[in-house]
């Protein structure tokens, strides 16, 4: 029987916890997403879910790597990476010719340029949750729509409405 290595990656965001397990560094064998982020049970629940999907236990893992807003809250992670470098590497792994990555997170938005497979430059918003995933969730709720309906609503809009780069709470009111 051939021995395989299994690596767990966890992205602990402000509002969600995402995990993936790679077999031999090449094949995604399981993934999970729990809509609870740092400081909650989300990371542990995401790990439990991905291990269950893969049919593995923690003892089967060769390495654990963490990224995201809550990456430093994961003492069992042998490797810690910034989400910016992970975005660049992950995007290049999936789409080798990628040049731009946009991350709409729960608390901020990041736009990255990628050059020769590596992070080149980035910018991010500087206002409280303005233009973020949380903002989109709040606007969907106000419009009494499911979040999945928002792209179609945007596509059929007749008029552009500018929203200031203010906090989501102020935009909601």
Protein backbone atom coordinates (compact mmCIF):
# COMPACT_ATOMS: atom_id res chain seq x y z
CA UNK A 1 0.00 0.00 0.00
CA UNK A 2 1.30 3.45 -0.92
CA UNK A 3 1.63 5.96 1.92
CA UNK A 4 0.10 9.34 1.31
CA UNK A 5 0.64 12.63 3.06
CA UNK A 6 -2.37 14.68 4.09
CA UNK A 7 -2.09 18.39 4.76
CA UNK A 8 -4.77 20.45 6.44
CA UNK A 9 -5.11 24.11 5.57
CA UNK A 10 -7.43 26.35 7.55
CA UNK A 11 -8.44 29.93 6.78
CA UNK A 12 -9.90 31.50 9.90
CA UNK A 13 -11.66 34.63 8.77
CA UNK A 14 -13.59 37.21 10.75
CA UNK A 15 -16.93 35.65 9.78
CA UNK A 16 -16.17 32.19 8.33
CA UNK A 17 -13.79 29.28 8.84
CA UNK A 18 -12.70 27.32 5.76
CA UNK A 19 -10.66 24.12 5.60
CA UNK A 20 -9.20 21.94 2.88
CA UNK A 21 -7.22 18.73 3.00
CA UNK A 22 -4.68 18.01 0.27
CA UNK A 23 -3.42 14.53 -0.54
CA UNK A 24 0.26 14.50 -1.50
CA UNK A 25 0.15 18.28 -1.96
CA UNK A 26 -1.78 17.98 -5.22
CA UNK A 27 -5.31 16.70 -4.78
CA UNK A 28 -8.07 18.34 -2.73
CA UNK A 29 -9.80 15.44 -0.99
CA UNK A 30 -12.15 17.40 1.28
CA UNK A 31 -13.31 20.93 2.01
CA UNK A 32 -15.50 22.63 4.60
CA UNK A 33 -16.93 26.06 5.26
CA UNK A 34 -18.55 27.07 8.54
CA UNK A 35 -20.14 30.52 8.83
CA UNK A 36 -18.46 31.28 12.15
CA UNK A 37 -15.06 32.91 12.30
CA UNK A 38 -12.31 33.72 14.74
CA UNK A 39 -13.18 33.65 18.43
CA UNK A 40 -16.02 31.15 17.90
CA UNK A 41 -16.47 27.41 17.53
CA UNK A 42 -16.16 27.88 13.74
CA UNK A 43 -12.53 26.79 13.32
CA UNK A 44 -12.99 23.60 15.38
CA UNK A 45 -16.26 22.78 13.59
CA UNK A 46 -14.64 23.36 10.20
CA UNK A 47 -11.78 21.01 11.08
CA UNK A 48 -14.21 18.36 12.34
CA UNK A 49 -16.27 18.64 9.14
CA UNK A 50 -13.32 18.39 6.76
CA UNK A 51 -11.83 15.40 8.62
CA UNK A 52 -15.22 13.67 8.57
CA UNK A 53 -15.61 14.31 4.80
CA UNK A 54 -12.10 12.97 4.14
CA UNK A 55 -12.55 9.96 6.43
CA UNK A 56 -9.42 10.94 8.35
CA UNK A 57 -8.43 11.74 11.91
CA UNK A 58 -6.06 14.41 13.20
CA UNK A 59 -3.41 11.69 13.57
CA UNK A 60 -3.52 11.11 9.79
CA UNK A 61 -2.38 14.69 9.12
CA UNK A 62 1.24 15.34 8.26
CA UNK A 63 1.04 19.11 8.54
CA UNK A 64 -1.42 21.85 9.47
CA UNK A 65 -1.16 25.37 8.06
CA UNK A 66 -3.27 28.37 9.06
CA UNK A 67 -4.08 31.70 7.46
CA UNK A 68 -6.65 34.45 7.79
CA UNK A 69 -7.63 36.97 10.42
CA UNK A 70 -7.55 34.34 13.19
CA UNK A 71 -4.47 32.44 12.00
CA UNK A 72 -2.53 33.14 15.20
CA UNK A 73 -5.30 31.59 17.32
CA UNK A 74 -4.44 28.13 15.95
CA UNK A 75 -1.63 26.77 18.19
CA UNK A 76 -1.63 23.34 16.49
CA UNK A 77 -0.66 24.89 13.13
CA UNK A 78 2.96 24.21 12.24
CA UNK A 79 2.89 26.87 9.53
CA UNK A 80 1.27 30.32 9.60
CA UNK A 81 0.82 32.39 6.42
CA UNK A 82 -0.66 35.80 5.68
CA UNK A 83 -3.88 35.62 3.70
CA UNK A 84 -2.32 37.85 1.04
CA UNK A 85 0.42 35.35 0.20
CA UNK A 86 -2.13 32.50 0.33
CA UNK A 87 -4.42 34.32 -2.09
CA UNK A 88 -1.60 34.76 -4.56
CA UNK A 89 -0.34 31.17 -4.28
CA UNK A 90 -3.81 29.63 -4.32
CA UNK A 91 -5.00 31.67 -7.29
CA UNK A 92 -1.86 30.73 -9.24
CA UNK A 93 -2.33 27.06 -8.35
CA UNK A 94 -5.89 27.14 -9.70
CA UNK A 95 -5.34 29.66 -12.53
CA UNK A 96 -1.65 29.84 -13.53
CA UNK A 97 -2.09 32.99 -15.66
CA UNK A 98 -3.85 35.00 -12.92
CA UNK A 99 -2.79 38.63 -12.55
CA UNK A 100 -5.43 40.05 -10.19
CA UNK A 101 -7.12 38.68 -7.07
CA UNK A 102 -9.98 40.37 -5.21
CA UNK A 103 -10.95 39.14 -1.75
CA UNK A 104 -14.28 40.40 -0.41
CA UNK A 105 -14.02 39.33 3.20
CA UNK A 106 -16.24 39.81 6.20
CA UNK A 107 -14.40 42.87 7.51
CA UNK A 108 -12.28 44.16 4.63
CA UNK A 109 -11.71 44.02 0.89
CA UNK A 110 -8.29 43.34 -0.62
CA UNK A 111 -7.18 43.72 -4.24
CA UNK A 112 -3.87 42.08 -5.18
CA UNK A 113 -1.69 42.03 -8.23
CA UNK A 114 0.22 38.86 -8.92
CA UNK A 115 3.48 38.81 -10.86
CA UNK A 116 5.22 35.57 -11.88
CA UNK A 117 3.14 33.56 -9.43
CA UNK A 118 3.85 35.75 -6.41
CA UNK A 119 2.16 38.63 -4.61
CA UNK A 120 3.33 41.88 -6.17
CA UNK A 121 1.21 44.66 -4.64
CA UNK A 122 -2.03 45.01 -2.72
CA UNK A 123 -4.50 47.61 -1.51
CA UNK A 124 -7.33 47.27 0.97
CA UNK A 125 -10.21 49.34 2.26
CA UNK A 126 -9.72 51.42 5.36
CA UNK A 127 -13.30 51.88 6.55
CA UNK A 128 -15.23 49.64 8.88
CA UNK A 129 -16.71 46.81 6.78
CA UNK A 130 -17.39 49.15 3.84
CA UNK A 131 -17.88 47.16 0.63
CA UNK A 132 -17.24 43.82 2.33
CA UNK A 133 -19.02 40.52 2.42
CA UNK A 134 -20.83 41.66 5.56
CA UNK A 135 -21.99 44.75 3.66
CA UNK A 136 -23.40 42.56 0.88
CA UNK A 137 -25.19 40.35 3.41
CA UNK A 138 -26.77 43.40 5.09
CA UNK A 139 -27.88 44.89 1.76
CA UNK A 140 -29.42 41.56 0.68
CA UNK A 141 -31.35 41.41 3.95
CA UNK A 142 -32.58 45.01 3.55
CA UNK A 143 -33.74 44.23 0.00
CA UNK A 144 -35.40 41.04 1.29
CA UNK A 145 -33.32 38.96 -1.14
CA UNK A 146 -31.12 35.93 -0.80
CA UNK A 147 -27.43 36.75 -1.13
CA UNK A 148 -27.27 34.49 -4.21
CA UNK A 149 -29.76 36.81 -5.98
CA UNK A 150 -27.53 39.89 -5.73
CA UNK A 151 -25.50 39.34 -8.96
CA UNK A 152 -28.69 39.01 -11.03
CA UNK A 153 -30.10 42.17 -9.44
CA UNK A 154 -26.91 44.01 -10.32
CA UNK A 155 -27.04 42.78 -13.92
CA UNK A 156 -30.56 44.12 -14.46
CA UNK A 157 -30.08 47.48 -12.74
CA UNK A 158 -30.92 50.58 -14.76
CA UNK A 159 -29.15 53.21 -12.67
CA UNK A 160 -25.86 53.34 -10.81
CA UNK A 161 -26.18 54.33 -7.18
CA UNK A 162 -23.01 55.42 -5.39
CA UNK A 163 -22.70 54.39 -1.78
CA UNK A 164 -20.14 56.20 0.31
CA UNK A 165 -17.24 54.21 1.71
CA UNK A 166 -18.72 54.47 5.14
CA UNK A 167 -19.37 51.74 7.67
CA UNK A 168 -21.97 49.08 6.88
CA UNK A 169 -24.00 50.11 9.92
CA UNK A 170 -24.25 53.70 8.61
CA UNK A 171 -25.01 52.53 5.06
CA UNK A 172 -27.81 50.33 6.41
CA UNK A 173 -29.46 53.28 8.14
